[in-house]
Amino acid sequence: MYFRQEIEDTIRDINKVNDLKIKFAFNLEVQLLLKQGQVEVESGPVIPCFSDSVLVHKSAVEELNKAIRTLGSGKITSMVESKDFKKGVRFRCILQLSDFLASDF
């Protein structure tokens, strides 16, 4: 009876070791050295948590940045047009006011 328990415990330990062996063979941690500014991860209290991090290819980021720049330049163009329109309206109002005041004299 005692030997049977010992054998079962030994078999259980061997299975645990084999499971760990498989886990370490396929679940490797890899350290990546990236240029500063390329890592965007929320920092934890002491060290950043990389558990839900994703590697994004540089070309995908550059493509998104290009789209953002294009939309941004369109927005700036629209804002300049709006500013110029308001400036023109204000200028016309000042001209009308000065004509009105000049006609009073």
C-alpha atoms as a PDB file:
ATOM      1  CA  MET A   1       0.000   0.000   0.000  1.00  0.00           C
ATOM      2  CA  TYR A   2       2.774   2.414   0.936  1.00  0.00           C
ATOM      3  CA  PHE A   3       4.697   1.699  -2.271  1.00  0.00           C
ATOM      4  CA  ARG A   4       1.605   2.224  -4.377  1.00  0.00           C
ATOM      5  CA  GLN A   5       1.167   5.728  -2.894  1.00  0.00           C
ATOM      6  CA  GLU A   6       4.854   6.481  -3.482  1.00  0.00           C
ATOM      7  CA  ILE A   7       4.580   5.333  -7.105  1.00  0.00           C
ATOM      8  CA  GLU A   8       1.467   7.459  -7.692  1.00  0.00           C
ATOM      9  CA  ASP A   9       3.160  10.511  -6.135  1.00  0.00           C
ATOM     10  CA  THR A  10       6.243   9.943  -8.275  1.00  0.00           C
ATOM     11  CA  ILE A  11       4.144   9.597 -11.442  1.00  0.00           C
ATOM     12  CA  ARG A  12       2.259  12.798 -10.524  1.00  0.00           C
ATOM     13  CA  ASP A  13       5.576  14.617  -9.996  1.00  0.00           C
ATOM     14  CA  ILE A  14       6.910  13.337 -13.335  1.00  0.00           C
ATOM     15  CA  ASN A  15       3.738  14.565 -15.089  1.00  0.00           C
ATOM     16  CA  LYS A  16       4.127  17.992 -13.451  1.00  0.00           C
ATOM     17  CA  VAL A  17       7.741  18.166 -14.604  1.00  0.00           C
ATOM     18  CA  ASN A  18       6.734  17.177 -18.144  1.00  0.00           C
ATOM     19  CA  ASP A  19       3.978  19.817 -18.170  1.00  0.00           C
ATOM     20  CA  LEU A  20       6.449  22.481 -17.029  1.00  0.00           C
ATOM     21  CA  LYS A  21       8.941  21.302 -19.632  1.00  0.00           C
ATOM     22  CA  ILE A  22       6.346  21.692 -22.394  1.00  0.00           C
ATOM     23  CA  LYS A  23       5.227  25.063 -21.020  1.00  0.00           C
ATOM     24  CA  PHE A  24       8.772  26.444 -20.997  1.00  0.00           C
ATOM     25  CA  ALA A  25       9.496  24.999 -24.448  1.00  0.00           C
ATOM     26  CA  PHE A  26       6.554  26.793 -26.109  1.00  0.00           C
ATOM     27  CA  ASN A  27       5.839  29.765 -23.847  1.00  0.00           C
ATOM     28  CA  LEU A  28       9.090  31.695 -24.083  1.00  0.00           C
ATOM     29  CA  GLU A  29       9.669  35.216 -22.869  1.00  0.00           C
ATOM     30  CA  VAL A  30      11.534  37.332 -25.388  1.00  0.00           C
ATOM     31  CA  GLN A  31      13.143  40.642 -24.588  1.00  0.00           C
ATOM     32  CA  LEU A  32      12.828  43.239 -27.349  1.00  0.00           C
ATOM     33  CA  LEU A  33      15.009  46.314 -27.442  1.00  0.00           C
ATOM     34  CA  LEU A  34      13.130  49.156 -29.130  1.00  0.00           C
ATOM     35  CA  LYS A  35      14.133  52.717 -29.884  1.00  0.00           C
ATOM     36  CA  GLN A  36      12.970  55.295 -27.402  1.00  0.00           C
ATOM     37  CA  GLY A  37       9.633  56.744 -28.467  1.00  0.00           C
ATOM     38  CA  GLN A  38       8.536  53.533 -30.114  1.00  0.00           C
ATOM     39  CA  VAL A  39       7.006  52.072 -26.938  1.00  0.00           C
ATOM     40  CA  GLU A  40       3.570  53.305 -25.903  1.00  0.00           C
ATOM     41  CA  VAL A  41       2.473  51.406 -22.813  1.00  0.00           C
ATOM     42  CA  GLU A  42       0.657  52.702 -19.776  1.00  0.00           C
ATOM     43  CA  SER A  43       2.980  52.724 -16.802  1.00  0.00           C
ATOM     44  CA  GLY A  44       2.032  50.959 -13.616  1.00  0.00           C
ATOM     45  CA  PRO A  45       2.986  52.202 -10.164  1.00  0.00           C
ATOM     46  CA  VAL A  46       6.560  50.951 -10.489  1.00  0.00           C
ATOM     47  CA  ILE A  47       7.050  49.163 -13.813  1.00  0.00           C
ATOM     48  CA  PRO A  48       4.969  49.106 -17.009  1.00  0.00           C
ATOM     49  CA  CYS A  49       2.587  46.197 -17.553  1.00  0.00           C
ATOM     50  CA  PHE A  50       3.084  44.531 -20.942  1.00  0.00           C
ATOM     51  CA  SER A  51       0.445  41.811 -20.479  1.00  0.00           C
ATOM     52  CA  ASP A  52      -1.988  43.283 -23.037  1.00  0.00           C
ATOM     53  CA  SER A  53       0.603  44.923 -25.305  1.00  0.00           C
ATOM     54  CA  VAL A  54       0.594  44.445 -29.062  1.00  0.00           C
ATOM     55  CA  LEU A  55       3.412  44.898 -31.558  1.00  0.00           C
ATOM     56  CA  VAL A  56       2.336  47.050 -34.495  1.00  0.00           C
ATOM     57  CA  HIS A  57       4.340  47.135 -37.715  1.00  0.00           C
ATOM     58  CA  LYS A  58       6.065  50.442 -38.416  1.00  0.00           C
ATOM     59  CA  SER A  59       4.388  50.808 -41.828  1.00  0.00           C
ATOM     60  CA  ALA A  60       0.917  50.622 -40.218  1.00  0.00           C
ATOM     61  CA  VAL A  61       1.825  53.420 -37.809  1.00  0.00           C
ATOM     62  CA  GLU A  62       3.296  55.522 -40.622  1.00  0.00           C
ATOM     63  CA  GLU A  63       0.142  55.014 -42.709  1.00  0.00           C
ATOM     64  CA  LEU A  64      -2.071  56.161 -39.826  1.00  0.00           C
ATOM     65  CA  ASN A  65       0.187  59.162 -39.201  1.00  0.00           C
ATOM     66  CA  LYS A  66      -0.053  60.107 -42.893  1.00  0.00           C
ATOM     67  CA  ALA A  67      -3.878  59.952 -42.739  1.00  0.00           C
ATOM     68  CA  ILE A  68      -3.871  62.068 -39.570  1.00  0.00           C
ATOM     69  CA  ARG A  69      -1.605  64.674 -41.208  1.00  0.00           C
ATOM     70  CA  THR A  70      -3.862  64.794 -44.286  1.00  0.00           C
ATOM     71  CA  LEU A  71      -6.996  65.284 -42.183  1.00  0.00           C
ATOM     72  CA  GLY A  72      -5.191  67.816 -40.004  1.00  0.00           C
ATOM     73  CA  SER A  73      -4.077  69.904 -42.972  1.00  0.00           C
ATOM     74  CA  GLY A  74      -7.662  69.867 -44.286  1.00  0.00           C
ATOM     75  CA  LYS A  75      -8.885  71.056 -40.901  1.00  0.00           C
ATOM     76  CA  ILE A  76      -6.296  73.841 -40.832  1.00  0.00           C
ATOM     77  CA  THR A  77      -7.305  74.942 -44.341  1.00  0.00           C
ATOM     78  CA  SER A  78     -10.944  75.054 -43.246  1.00  0.00           C
ATOM     79  CA  MET A  79     -10.067  77.064 -40.144  1.00  0.00           C
ATOM     80  CA  VAL A  80      -8.022  79.581 -42.179  1.00  0.00           C
ATOM     81  CA  GLU A  81     -10.917  80.000 -44.638  1.00  0.00           C
ATOM     82  CA  SER A  82     -13.314  80.576 -41.744  1.00  0.00           C
ATOM     83  CA  LYS A  83     -10.937  83.105 -40.177  1.00  0.00           C
ATOM     84  CA  ASP A  84     -10.540  84.966 -43.470  1.00  0.00           C
ATOM     85  CA  PHE A  85     -14.314  85.025 -43.984  1.00  0.00           C
ATOM     86  CA  LYS A  86     -14.907  86.442 -40.506  1.00  0.00           C
ATOM     87  CA  LYS A  87     -12.121  88.954 -41.059  1.00  0.00           C
ATOM     88  CA  GLY A  88     -13.782  90.026 -44.344  1.00  0.00           C
ATOM     89  CA  VAL A  89     -17.191  90.364 -42.678  1.00  0.00           C
ATOM     90  CA  ARG A  90     -15.676  92.441 -39.881  1.00  0.00           C
ATOM     91  CA  PHE A  91     -13.849  94.631 -42.411  1.00  0.00           C
ATOM     92  CA  ARG A  92     -17.071  95.202 -44.406  1.00  0.00           C
ATOM     93  CA  CYS A  93     -18.922  96.119 -41.203  1.00  0.00           C
ATOM     94  CA  ILE A  94     -16.222  98.645 -40.299  1.00  0.00           C
ATOM     95  CA  LEU A  95     -16.395 100.125 -43.814  1.00  0.00           C
ATOM     96  CA  GLN A  96     -20.199 100.413 -43.631  1.00  0.00           C
ATOM     97  CA  LEU A  97     -19.946 101.973 -40.180  1.00  0.00           C
ATOM     98  CA  SER A  98     -17.366 104.494 -41.352  1.00  0.00           C
ATOM     99  CA  ASP A  99     -19.520 105.323 -44.423  1.00  0.00           C
ATOM    100  CA  PHE A 100     -22.529 105.758 -42.146  1.00  0.00           C
ATOM    101  CA  LEU A 101     -20.604 107.989 -39.760  1.00  0.00           C
ATOM    102  CA  ALA A 102     -19.112 109.976 -42.670  1.00  0.00           C
ATOM    103  CA  SER A 103     -22.568 110.547 -44.149  1.00  0.00           C
ATOM    104  CA  ASP A 104     -23.744 112.044 -40.819  1.00  0.00           C
ATOM    105  CA  PHE A 105     -21.160 114.806 -41.061  1.00  0.00           C
END
